Amino acid sequence: MDRTTVETLFAHTAEIRCLVVGDLMLDEYLWGKAERISPEAPVQVVDVVREELRLGGAGNVVHNLAALGARVSVCSVVGDDQNGQELLGQFCHHQIDTQAVFLDPDRRTSRKTRVVAAHQQIVRIDRESREALPAAIEQQICCWIAAHADEFKVIVLSDYNKGVLTPAVIAAAISAAKIVGIPVLIDPKGTDYTRYSGATLLTPNRKEAEAASGISINDTASLAQAASVIMDTTGLQHLLITRSEEGMSLFSKGGEIVHIPTVAREVFDVSGAGDTVLATLAVGIASGFNMAESARLANIAAGIAVGKLGTSIVTPQEIIDTVSLAHKDSYTKIKSLVVLTALIAAEKNSGKRIVFTNGCFDLLHAGHVKYLQKARRLGDILVLGLNSDASVRRLKGPKRPLIDQDERAHLLAALDCIDYVIVFDEDTPLKLITALKPHILAKGGDYSLDDVVGRKIVESYGGRVELVTFVDGKSTTNIIERILELYSSKQE
């Protein structure tokens, strides 16, 4: 998984609509210092210095989805109390659709209070409801899901075993999703997974998978056996078992198994990490990633989440930066058009002058480098449009390119004079020039102004074309001919 792919995914997440159904609660954090023992009892005294309310339970899944850029609707039940109003206010602040959050005057809205000192939880206080829904509200939820399922690309069920996800609600969500052809992802609870039958994916952790399957997981063989039991009894298409420091294991119908090692750098708190996994999976799948790619993306997000204290969100930039750690140099410069368009707009807003040039750059040589250095000096940012392999073949014949587009892109991105590289598949860069609207269009001195593709577009908004001289005698064709001459004479 590379930076360009992940950047492109997050550039489109605003097009994704997700429905989250599950148990809502408030997570309250009291942050303080514990520097003395109470004279009343042998317990620590915590001097509270900061208080914070966060969305908890299914609300944390909702918050993570929103942080990743998706448009989210939440379907649940809260009490008609102060905590319920606080929850709705939090959703409103994060622009979450709450039209399907129903009020139950007889229900207490769940609130978990965590007291934290010296980066550790001292105590947790739970005030919550665990009762099953009244029949009338349960029916309202089922009817709402059935009526609105076609508005979403994915349905997520976040089960905290607090009463909202009754068997009827779960069945209604799975049935509605099947009718409209969208996936259902579930973070399960309890030991009876048969109530999730027909779901697309479950995401239990190792302990939960052991309880549900009745098998102690000690190695990869017992892990596979437990997964087989769960999948057989639920009719799942996929099962993702999270395994803490051992990463994740994805099992798919048909027997495929993908083990994904952890990417966590330092673990502070695992609470909420499962919510992050579920949200990131939903975004990946709804964006068109396959299940294995989505699981890898979720694994990266989980590694970031456990490095934070308390239930926390993970942002697209954090994921992009983590992906980039493995590709610190060239990957950071290679962009898709949708990402590059936004970046160039920002560069222009900051007063930067944009230079654009393009070419095949097969067998990169000193002439290319000197040309690109001259082009860079024309402005502040140099964008290079690179012909794809297919484009090069159409322009130069079936034996070219000698170097494939990925290698060419990385070689060019490694040059200091180039700020961004974008691969294009058309015969000309007209589409890129139209989208990026550079201030300066640079081409080689062997062109005449009338032959420069995109000249009229650039000049139409006040830009200009600059012809940059090449170094004489330096060309890919000359290098190929020299190699052939040398090796042919040796064979003779």
Protein backbone atom coordinates (compact mmCIF):
# COMPACT_ATOMS: atom_id res chain seq x y z
CA MET A 1 0.00 0.00 0.00
CA ASP A 2 1.55 3.29 -1.09
CA ARG A 3 0.99 6.92 -0.21
CA THR A 4 -0.55 7.85 -3.56
CA THR A 5 -3.24 5.19 -3.26
CA VAL A 6 -4.12 6.19 0.30
CA GLU A 7 -4.16 9.90 -0.52
CA THR A 8 -6.50 9.26 -3.43
CA LEU A 9 -8.82 7.21 -1.22
CA PHE A 10 -9.13 9.97 1.36
CA ALA A 11 -9.66 12.59 -1.33
CA HIS A 12 -12.93 10.83 -2.17
CA THR A 13 -14.26 9.86 1.28
CA ALA A 14 -16.72 12.76 1.28
CA GLU A 15 -18.62 10.79 -1.38
CA ILE A 16 -19.16 7.89 1.06
CA ARG A 17 -22.29 7.66 3.17
CA CYS A 18 -22.15 5.24 6.10
CA LEU A 19 -24.85 4.12 8.51
CA VAL A 20 -23.81 3.17 12.05
CA VAL A 21 -26.28 1.28 14.23
CA GLY A 22 -25.41 0.48 17.83
CA ASP A 23 -25.09 1.42 21.48
CA LEU A 24 -24.28 5.05 22.19
CA MET A 25 -22.60 6.37 25.29
CA LEU A 26 -20.62 9.30 26.58
CA ASP A 27 -16.98 8.82 27.56
CA GLU A 28 -16.02 11.26 30.29
CA TYR A 29 -12.34 11.80 31.11
CA LEU A 30 -11.14 13.45 34.30
CA TRP A 31 -7.44 14.25 33.89
CA GLY A 32 -5.45 15.09 36.97
CA LYS A 33 -2.48 14.60 39.25
CA ALA A 34 -2.18 11.87 41.91
CA GLU A 35 0.50 12.99 44.33
CA ARG A 36 -0.95 12.11 47.74
CA ILE A 37 -2.91 9.48 49.66
CA SER A 38 -6.29 10.27 51.17
CA PRO A 39 -6.35 10.50 55.00
CA GLU A 40 -9.85 8.96 54.87
CA ALA A 41 -8.88 5.69 53.15
CA PRO A 42 -5.79 4.08 51.57
CA VAL A 43 -6.58 5.49 48.11
CA GLN A 44 -4.98 8.07 45.85
CA VAL A 45 -6.32 11.60 45.76
CA VAL A 46 -6.63 12.89 42.21
CA ASP A 47 -6.55 16.66 41.74
CA VAL A 48 -8.58 17.15 38.57
CA VAL A 49 -7.06 19.72 36.19
CA ARG A 50 -9.05 19.00 33.03
CA GLU A 51 -12.37 17.42 32.07
CA GLU A 52 -13.36 16.13 28.65
CA LEU A 53 -16.41 14.47 27.11
CA ARG A 54 -16.01 12.22 24.05
CA LEU A 55 -18.35 10.14 21.96
CA GLY A 56 -18.17 6.55 23.20
CA GLY A 57 -19.44 3.15 22.17
CA ALA A 58 -20.90 3.24 18.66
CA GLY A 59 -20.41 7.00 18.86
CA ASN A 60 -16.66 6.47 18.68
CA VAL A 61 -17.12 4.52 15.44
CA VAL A 62 -19.23 7.40 14.14
CA HIS A 63 -16.60 9.94 15.20
CA ASN A 64 -13.81 7.95 13.53
CA LEU A 65 -15.78 7.71 10.29
CA ALA A 66 -16.43 11.45 10.31
CA ALA A 67 -12.75 12.14 11.05
CA LEU A 68 -11.82 10.03 8.02
CA GLY A 69 -14.03 12.29 5.90
CA ALA A 70 -17.11 10.10 5.42
CA ARG A 71 -20.68 11.34 5.76
CA VAL A 72 -22.27 9.44 8.62
CA SER A 73 -25.77 8.77 9.88
CA VAL A 74 -26.34 7.15 13.25
CA CYS A 75 -29.28 4.97 14.25
CA SER A 76 -29.75 4.29 17.95
CA VAL A 77 -31.66 5.12 21.14
CA VAL A 78 -30.79 7.52 23.94
CA GLY A 79 -32.57 8.58 27.08
CA ASP A 80 -34.44 11.84 27.33
CA ASP A 81 -31.91 13.14 29.85
CA GLN A 82 -28.96 15.48 30.17
CA ASN A 83 -26.47 12.87 28.92
CA GLY A 84 -28.70 12.17 25.92
CA GLN A 85 -28.82 15.87 25.07
CA GLU A 86 -25.06 16.09 25.46
CA LEU A 87 -24.62 13.19 23.04
CA LEU A 88 -26.87 14.81 20.45
CA GLY A 89 -24.97 18.06 20.89
CA GLN A 90 -21.68 16.28 20.24
CA PHE A 91 -23.09 14.73 17.07
CA CYS A 92 -24.36 18.11 15.91
CA HIS A 93 -20.91 19.62 16.51
CA HIS A 94 -19.36 16.96 14.27
CA GLN A 95 -22.11 17.33 11.63
CA ILE A 96 -23.46 13.82 12.15
CA ASP A 97 -26.98 13.02 10.95
CA THR A 98 -29.09 12.02 13.97
CA GLN A 99 -32.55 11.78 12.42
CA ALA A 100 -32.63 8.08 13.37
CA VAL A 101 -31.63 8.56 17.01
CA PHE A 102 -34.81 7.83 18.94
CA LEU A 103 -35.58 9.08 22.45
CA ASP A 104 -36.77 6.69 25.16
CA PRO A 105 -37.91 8.62 28.26
CA ASP A 106 -37.57 5.49 30.39
CA ARG A 107 -33.95 4.82 29.37
CA ARG A 108 -30.80 6.20 30.98
CA THR A 109 -28.14 7.36 28.53
CA SER A 110 -24.91 5.49 29.25
CA ARG A 111 -21.92 7.43 30.57
CA LYS A 112 -18.51 6.05 31.46
CA THR A 113 -16.23 8.19 33.60
CA ARG A 114 -12.50 7.51 33.55
CA VAL A 115 -10.16 9.13 36.04
CA VAL A 116 -6.66 9.43 34.56
CA ALA A 117 -3.44 10.48 36.29
CA ALA A 118 0.18 10.07 35.18
CA HIS A 119 -1.05 8.65 31.85
CA GLN A 120 -2.86 5.80 33.60
CA GLN A 121 -6.47 5.08 34.41
CA ILE A 122 -7.03 5.15 38.16
CA VAL A 123 -10.67 4.08 38.12
CA ARG A 124 -13.66 3.83 35.77
CA ILE A 125 -17.23 4.59 36.84
CA ASP A 126 -20.09 3.23 34.70
CA ARG A 127 -23.63 4.59 34.66
CA GLU A 128 -25.51 2.78 31.94
CA SER A 129 -28.56 0.96 30.66
CA ARG A 130 -28.44 -2.64 29.49
CA GLU A 131 -32.16 -3.23 28.97
CA ALA A 132 -33.47 -4.44 25.62
CA LEU A 133 -35.42 -1.92 23.60
CA PRO A 134 -39.17 -1.47 24.03
CA ALA A 135 -40.99 -3.23 21.20
CA ALA A 136 -42.32 0.01 19.73
CA ILE A 137 -38.87 1.64 19.43
CA GLU A 138 -37.34 -1.60 18.14
CA GLN A 139 -39.96 -1.61 15.37
CA GLN A 140 -39.22 2.05 14.55
CA ILE A 141 -35.52 1.27 14.13
CA CYS A 142 -36.17 -1.77 11.95
CA CYS A 143 -38.55 0.16 9.70
CA TRP A 144 -36.18 3.12 9.42
CA ILE A 145 -33.25 0.92 8.37
CA ALA A 146 -35.38 -0.88 5.78
CA ALA A 147 -36.61 2.43 4.34
CA HIS A 148 -33.21 4.17 4.17
CA ALA A 149 -30.62 1.42 3.51
CA ASP A 150 -30.35 2.34 -0.17
CA GLU A 151 -28.89 5.74 0.81
CA PHE A 152 -25.66 4.21 2.11
CA LYS A 153 -22.59 2.39 0.80
CA VAL A 154 -22.02 0.38 3.97
CA ILE A 155 -23.83 -0.43 7.22
CA VAL A 156 -21.80 -0.77 10.41
CA LEU A 157 -23.17 -2.46 13.55
CA SER A 158 -21.30 -1.53 16.73
CA ASP A 159 -22.47 -3.91 19.45
CA TYR A 160 -21.58 -3.03 23.04
CA ASN A 161 -24.25 -5.35 24.42
CA LYS A 162 -26.25 -2.48 25.93
CA GLY A 163 -29.59 -3.41 24.40
CA VAL A 164 -29.89 -1.51 21.11
CA LEU A 165 -28.75 -4.30 18.79
CA THR A 166 -31.52 -6.78 19.48
CA PRO A 167 -31.80 -9.88 17.27
CA ALA A 168 -34.59 -8.15 15.36
CA VAL A 169 -32.55 -4.99 14.72
CA ILE A 170 -29.51 -7.01 13.61
CA ALA A 171 -31.66 -9.13 11.27
CA ALA A 172 -33.33 -6.04 9.84
CA ALA A 173 -29.99 -4.40 9.08
CA ILE A 174 -28.53 -7.51 7.42
CA SER A 175 -31.70 -8.11 5.41
CA ALA A 176 -31.93 -4.49 4.22
CA ALA A 177 -28.26 -4.48 3.24
CA LYS A 178 -28.68 -7.64 1.17
CA ILE A 179 -31.65 -6.17 -0.67
CA VAL A 180 -29.70 -3.07 -1.74
CA GLY A 181 -26.39 -4.92 -2.19
CA ILE A 182 -24.16 -3.24 0.38
CA PRO A 183 -21.85 -4.82 2.99
CA VAL A 184 -22.61 -5.14 6.71
CA LEU A 185 -19.63 -4.93 9.06
CA ILE A 186 -20.10 -5.88 12.71
CA ASP A 187 -18.06 -5.51 15.87
CA PRO A 188 -19.66 -8.39 17.83
CA LYS A 189 -20.28 -9.04 21.51
CA GLY A 190 -21.25 -12.10 23.53
CA THR A 191 -20.68 -15.72 22.61
CA ASP A 192 -23.65 -16.43 20.34
CA TYR A 193 -22.57 -15.19 16.92
CA THR A 194 -25.44 -16.94 15.15
CA ARG A 195 -27.46 -13.76 15.58
CA TYR A 196 -25.04 -12.11 13.14
CA SER A 197 -25.68 -14.75 10.46
CA GLY A 198 -25.51 -13.37 6.96
CA ALA A 199 -23.22 -10.43 7.78
CA THR A 200 -20.34 -9.59 5.46
CA LEU A 201 -17.65 -9.33 8.15
CA LEU A 202 -17.19 -9.67 11.91
CA THR A 203 -14.25 -8.11 13.78
CA PRO A 204 -13.80 -9.92 17.13
CA ASN A 205 -10.58 -9.73 19.06
CA ARG A 206 -8.75 -12.93 20.01
CA LYS A 207 -10.45 -13.27 23.40
CA GLU A 208 -13.89 -12.77 21.85
CA ALA A 209 -13.12 -15.27 19.08
CA GLU A 210 -12.08 -17.85 21.68
CA ALA A 211 -15.33 -17.36 23.61
CA ALA A 212 -17.50 -17.54 20.49
CA SER A 213 -15.78 -20.61 19.03
CA GLY A 214 -15.03 -22.48 22.26
CA ILE A 215 -11.44 -22.95 21.07
CA SER A 216 -8.35 -21.67 22.88
CA ILE A 217 -6.18 -19.81 20.38
CA ASN A 218 -2.52 -20.62 20.97
CA ASP A 219 -1.04 -20.75 17.48
CA THR A 220 -1.95 -20.29 13.83
CA ALA A 221 -3.53 -23.74 13.64
CA SER A 222 -5.92 -23.12 16.55
CA LEU A 223 -6.58 -19.63 15.20
CA ALA A 224 -7.65 -21.09 11.86
CA GLN A 225 -9.77 -23.69 13.61
CA ALA A 226 -11.58 -21.04 15.68
CA ALA A 227 -12.15 -18.93 12.59
CA SER A 228 -13.58 -21.92 10.73
CA VAL A 229 -16.07 -22.62 13.51
CA ILE A 230 -17.26 -19.00 13.59
CA MET A 231 -17.56 -18.71 9.82
CA ASP A 232 -19.39 -22.01 9.47
CA THR A 233 -21.94 -21.16 12.15
CA THR A 234 -22.63 -17.63 10.88
CA GLY A 235 -22.34 -17.92 7.11
CA LEU A 236 -19.84 -15.07 7.00
CA GLN A 237 -18.01 -14.01 3.88
CA HIS A 238 -15.09 -12.66 5.93
CA LEU A 239 -13.80 -12.72 9.49
CA LEU A 240 -11.13 -10.36 10.83
CA ILE A 241 -9.65 -11.42 14.17
CA THR A 242 -7.58 -8.70 15.85
CA ARG A 243 -4.69 -10.14 17.85
CA SER A 244 -3.14 -7.20 19.76
CA GLU A 245 0.64 -7.21 19.33
CA GLU A 246 0.40 -10.02 16.76
CA GLY A 247 -1.58 -7.90 14.34
CA MET A 248 -4.68 -9.14 12.52
CA SER A 249 -5.76 -12.24 10.62
CA LEU A 250 -8.31 -12.05 7.81
CA PHE A 251 -10.21 -15.21 6.89
CA SER A 252 -12.36 -15.34 3.77
CA LYS A 253 -14.95 -17.73 2.44
CA GLY A 254 -13.12 -20.19 0.24
CA GLY A 255 -10.18 -20.62 2.59
CA GLU A 256 -7.98 -17.60 1.91
CA ILE A 257 -6.05 -16.40 4.99
CA VAL A 258 -4.12 -13.13 5.25
CA HIS A 259 -1.98 -12.45 8.34
CA ILE A 260 -1.18 -8.76 8.83
CA PRO A 261 1.58 -7.87 11.33
CA THR A 262 1.04 -5.00 13.75
CA VAL A 263 2.39 -1.54 12.96
CA ALA A 264 1.97 -0.03 16.44
CA ARG A 265 5.05 1.89 17.53
CA GLU A 266 4.15 2.45 21.20
CA VAL A 267 1.02 1.31 23.03
CA PHE A 268 -0.59 3.68 25.54
CA ASP A 269 -4.24 2.59 25.51
CA VAL A 270 -6.09 -0.07 23.50
CA SER A 271 -9.56 1.26 24.37
CA GLY A 272 -11.41 2.29 21.24
CA ALA A 273 -8.93 0.65 18.87
CA GLY A 274 -11.60 -1.80 17.72
CA ASP A 275 -13.84 1.13 16.81
CA THR A 276 -11.03 2.61 14.73
CA VAL A 277 -10.56 -0.71 12.96
CA LEU A 278 -14.27 -0.95 12.16
CA ALA A 279 -14.49 2.62 10.86
CA THR A 280 -11.38 2.33 8.69
CA LEU A 281 -12.54 -0.99 7.26
CA ALA A 282 -15.85 0.61 6.33
CA VAL A 283 -14.14 3.50 4.55
CA GLY A 284 -11.78 1.17 2.68
CA ILE A 285 -14.49 -1.21 1.53
CA ALA A 286 -16.89 1.58 0.57
CA SER A 287 -14.08 3.19 -1.44
CA GLY A 288 -13.55 0.07 -3.53
CA PHE A 289 -10.60 -1.48 -1.72
CA ASN A 290 -10.78 -5.24 -1.49
CA MET A 291 -11.08 -6.82 1.95
CA ALA A 292 -7.35 -7.48 2.38
CA GLU A 293 -6.41 -3.93 1.39
CA SER A 294 -9.06 -2.54 3.73
CA ALA A 295 -7.77 -4.71 6.57
CA ARG A 296 -4.21 -3.46 6.01
CA LEU A 297 -5.48 0.11 6.08
CA ALA A 298 -7.38 -0.63 9.32
CA ASN A 299 -4.26 -2.19 10.83
CA ILE A 300 -2.33 1.00 10.18
CA ALA A 301 -5.09 3.07 11.78
CA ALA A 302 -5.23 0.77 14.81
CA GLY A 303 -1.49 1.15 15.31
CA ILE A 304 -1.97 4.91 15.50
CA ALA A 305 -5.01 4.67 17.80
CA VAL A 306 -3.29 2.59 20.50
CA GLY A 307 -0.57 5.22 20.68
CA LYS A 308 -3.13 7.67 22.09
CA LEU A 309 -4.70 7.77 25.52
CA GLY A 310 -8.43 7.09 25.70
CA THR A 311 -10.94 6.62 22.91
CA SER A 312 -9.50 8.68 20.09
CA ILE A 313 -9.95 9.36 16.41
CA VAL A 314 -7.40 8.77 13.69
CA THR A 315 -7.11 11.30 10.87
CA PRO A 316 -6.37 10.71 7.18
CA GLN A 317 -3.12 12.66 7.46
CA GLU A 318 -1.92 10.44 10.31
CA ILE A 319 -2.56 7.36 8.18
CA ILE A 320 -0.91 8.93 5.13
CA ASP A 321 2.13 9.93 7.18
CA THR A 322 2.42 6.42 8.63
CA VAL A 323 2.23 4.84 5.18
CA SER A 324 4.91 7.27 4.05
CA LEU A 325 7.35 6.13 6.73
CA ALA A 326 8.21 3.14 4.58
CA HIS A 327 8.64 5.36 1.53
CA LYS A 328 10.07 8.60 2.88
CA ASP A 329 11.47 9.98 -0.36
CA SER A 330 9.91 9.40 -3.75
CA TYR A 331 6.48 8.23 -2.60
CA THR A 332 5.78 11.58 -0.97
CA LYS A 333 6.03 13.34 -4.33
CA ILE A 334 4.03 11.00 -6.59
CA LYS A 335 0.40 12.10 -6.64
CA SER A 336 -2.91 11.32 -8.28
CA LEU A 337 -4.72 14.10 -10.15
CA VAL A 338 -7.39 14.66 -7.51
CA VAL A 339 -4.80 15.02 -4.74
CA LEU A 340 -2.41 17.09 -6.83
CA THR A 341 -5.14 19.52 -7.90
CA ALA A 342 -5.88 20.34 -4.25
CA LEU A 343 -2.16 20.64 -3.40
CA ILE A 344 -1.47 22.98 -6.31
CA ALA A 345 -4.46 25.14 -5.38
CA ALA A 346 -3.00 25.48 -1.89
CA GLU A 347 0.46 26.29 -3.29
CA LYS A 348 -1.06 29.03 -5.48
CA ASN A 349 -2.95 30.47 -2.51
CA SER A 350 0.34 30.79 -0.67
CA GLY A 351 1.78 32.79 -3.57
CA LYS A 352 3.85 30.05 -5.22
CA ARG A 353 4.41 30.11 -9.00
CA ILE A 354 3.73 26.73 -10.59
CA VAL A 355 5.82 25.34 -13.45
CA PHE A 356 4.62 22.32 -15.42
CA THR A 357 6.54 20.14 -17.82
CA ASN A 358 6.10 16.65 -19.16
CA GLY A 359 7.79 13.83 -20.97
CA CYS A 360 8.64 10.13 -21.11
CA PHE A 361 12.05 10.36 -19.40
CA ASP A 362 13.02 6.83 -20.38
CA LEU A 363 16.62 6.07 -19.38
CA LEU A 364 17.10 9.19 -17.25
CA HIS A 365 20.35 10.97 -18.17
CA ALA A 366 22.25 14.19 -17.44
CA GLY A 367 20.47 16.05 -20.23
CA HIS A 368 17.13 15.34 -18.58
CA VAL A 369 18.40 16.48 -15.19
CA LYS A 370 19.86 19.75 -16.47
CA TYR A 371 16.63 20.47 -18.37
CA LEU A 372 14.53 19.85 -15.26
CA GLN A 373 16.81 22.01 -13.12
CA LYS A 374 16.40 24.88 -15.59
CA ALA A 375 12.62 24.40 -15.63
CA ARG A 376 12.52 24.47 -11.80
CA ARG A 377 14.31 27.83 -11.75
CA LEU A 378 11.41 29.36 -13.70
CA GLY A 379 9.15 29.26 -10.67
CA ASP A 380 8.65 27.95 -7.14
CA ILE A 381 7.06 24.52 -7.73
CA LEU A 382 7.86 22.11 -10.56
CA VAL A 383 5.22 19.55 -11.50
CA LEU A 384 6.28 16.77 -13.85
CA GLY A 385 3.70 14.98 -15.96
CA LEU A 386 5.11 11.53 -16.81
CA ASN A 387 3.81 9.49 -19.74
CA SER A 388 2.57 6.06 -18.66
CA ASP A 389 3.96 2.90 -20.24
CA ALA A 390 0.95 2.62 -22.54
CA SER A 391 1.33 6.24 -23.59
CA VAL A 392 5.05 5.79 -24.31
CA ARG A 393 4.36 2.72 -26.46
CA ARG A 394 1.88 4.66 -28.56
CA LEU A 395 4.34 7.51 -29.00
CA LYS A 396 7.64 5.66 -29.43
CA GLY A 397 6.76 2.15 -30.50
CA PRO A 398 6.25 -1.31 -28.95
CA LYS A 399 9.85 -1.66 -27.68
CA ARG A 400 9.59 1.34 -25.39
CA PRO A 401 9.76 2.24 -22.61
CA LEU A 402 12.87 0.48 -21.41
CA ILE A 403 12.08 1.46 -17.82
CA ASP A 404 8.51 0.98 -16.52
CA GLN A 405 6.44 3.90 -15.30
CA ASP A 406 6.79 3.14 -11.58
CA GLU A 407 10.57 3.07 -11.76
CA ARG A 408 10.66 6.20 -13.91
CA ALA A 409 8.35 8.00 -11.49
CA HIS A 410 10.50 7.14 -8.46
CA LEU A 411 13.75 8.07 -10.17
CA LEU A 412 12.35 11.47 -11.12
CA ALA A 413 10.72 12.03 -7.72
CA ALA A 414 14.13 11.52 -6.11
CA LEU A 415 15.43 14.67 -7.85
CA ASP A 416 15.48 17.77 -5.64
CA CYS A 417 14.38 20.00 -8.49
CA ILE A 418 11.03 18.15 -8.85
CA ASP A 419 8.27 18.85 -6.35
CA TYR A 420 5.49 16.59 -7.68
CA VAL A 421 5.20 13.76 -10.20
CA ILE A 422 1.97 12.62 -11.81
CA VAL A 423 1.64 9.74 -14.29
CA PHE A 424 -0.83 10.29 -17.15
CA ASP A 425 -2.15 7.79 -19.65
CA GLU A 426 -3.19 10.09 -22.48
CA ASP A 427 -0.97 10.91 -25.48
CA THR A 428 -0.70 14.55 -24.38
CA PRO A 429 -0.81 16.30 -20.99
CA LEU A 430 -3.72 18.52 -22.02
CA LYS A 431 -6.00 17.14 -19.28
CA LEU A 432 -3.37 17.80 -16.60
CA ILE A 433 -2.65 21.33 -17.82
CA THR A 434 -6.37 22.13 -17.88
CA ALA A 435 -6.84 20.85 -14.33
CA LEU A 436 -3.69 22.31 -12.75
CA LYS A 437 -3.54 25.64 -14.61
CA PRO A 438 0.21 26.21 -14.13
CA HIS A 439 1.64 29.71 -14.36
CA ILE A 440 4.42 28.49 -16.63
CA LEU A 441 4.43 25.64 -19.16
CA ALA A 442 8.00 24.50 -19.85
CA LYS A 443 9.00 22.50 -22.93
CA GLY A 444 12.26 21.53 -24.59
CA GLY A 445 13.99 23.95 -26.93
CA ASP A 446 13.49 21.54 -29.82
CA TYR A 447 9.80 22.57 -29.84
CA SER A 448 8.36 25.65 -31.51
CA LEU A 449 5.75 27.66 -29.61
CA ASP A 450 3.06 26.63 -32.05
CA ASP A 451 3.74 22.94 -31.35
CA VAL A 452 3.42 23.13 -27.57
CA VAL A 453 0.32 21.28 -26.37
CA GLY A 454 -1.61 23.38 -23.87
CA ARG A 455 -0.15 26.72 -24.92
CA LYS A 456 -3.51 28.31 -25.70
CA ILE A 457 -4.97 27.16 -22.38
CA VAL A 458 -2.07 28.53 -20.35
CA GLU A 459 -2.02 31.84 -22.18
CA SER A 460 -5.82 32.18 -21.86
CA TYR A 461 -5.54 32.84 -18.12
CA GLY A 462 -2.33 34.90 -18.27
CA GLY A 463 0.28 32.13 -18.05
CA ARG A 464 3.18 31.69 -20.43
CA VAL A 465 5.19 29.05 -22.26
CA GLU A 466 8.97 28.82 -21.79
CA LEU A 467 11.21 26.83 -24.14
CA VAL A 468 14.17 25.35 -22.28
CA THR A 469 17.26 24.26 -24.17
CA PHE A 470 18.49 20.68 -23.88
CA VAL A 471 22.13 19.66 -23.52
CA ASP A 472 23.43 18.84 -27.01
CA GLY A 473 24.11 15.20 -27.75
CA LYS A 474 22.30 13.88 -24.70
CA SER A 475 19.32 11.71 -25.57
CA THR A 476 17.85 8.31 -24.75
CA THR A 477 18.12 7.31 -28.41
CA ASN A 478 21.86 8.06 -28.42
CA ILE A 479 22.34 6.00 -25.27
CA ILE A 480 20.46 3.02 -26.75
CA GLU A 481 22.47 3.23 -29.97
CA ARG A 482 25.73 3.41 -28.02
CA ILE A 483 24.82 0.35 -25.95
CA LEU A 484 23.87 -1.62 -29.06
CA GLU A 485 27.10 -0.58 -30.75
CA LEU A 486 29.24 -1.62 -27.79
CA TYR A 487 27.59 -4.97 -27.17
CA SER A 488 27.28 -5.83 -30.86
CA SER A 489 31.01 -5.25 -31.41
CA LYS A 490 31.86 -7.46 -28.41
CA GLN A 491 29.77 -10.31 -29.78
CA GLU A 492 31.55 -10.01 -33.15
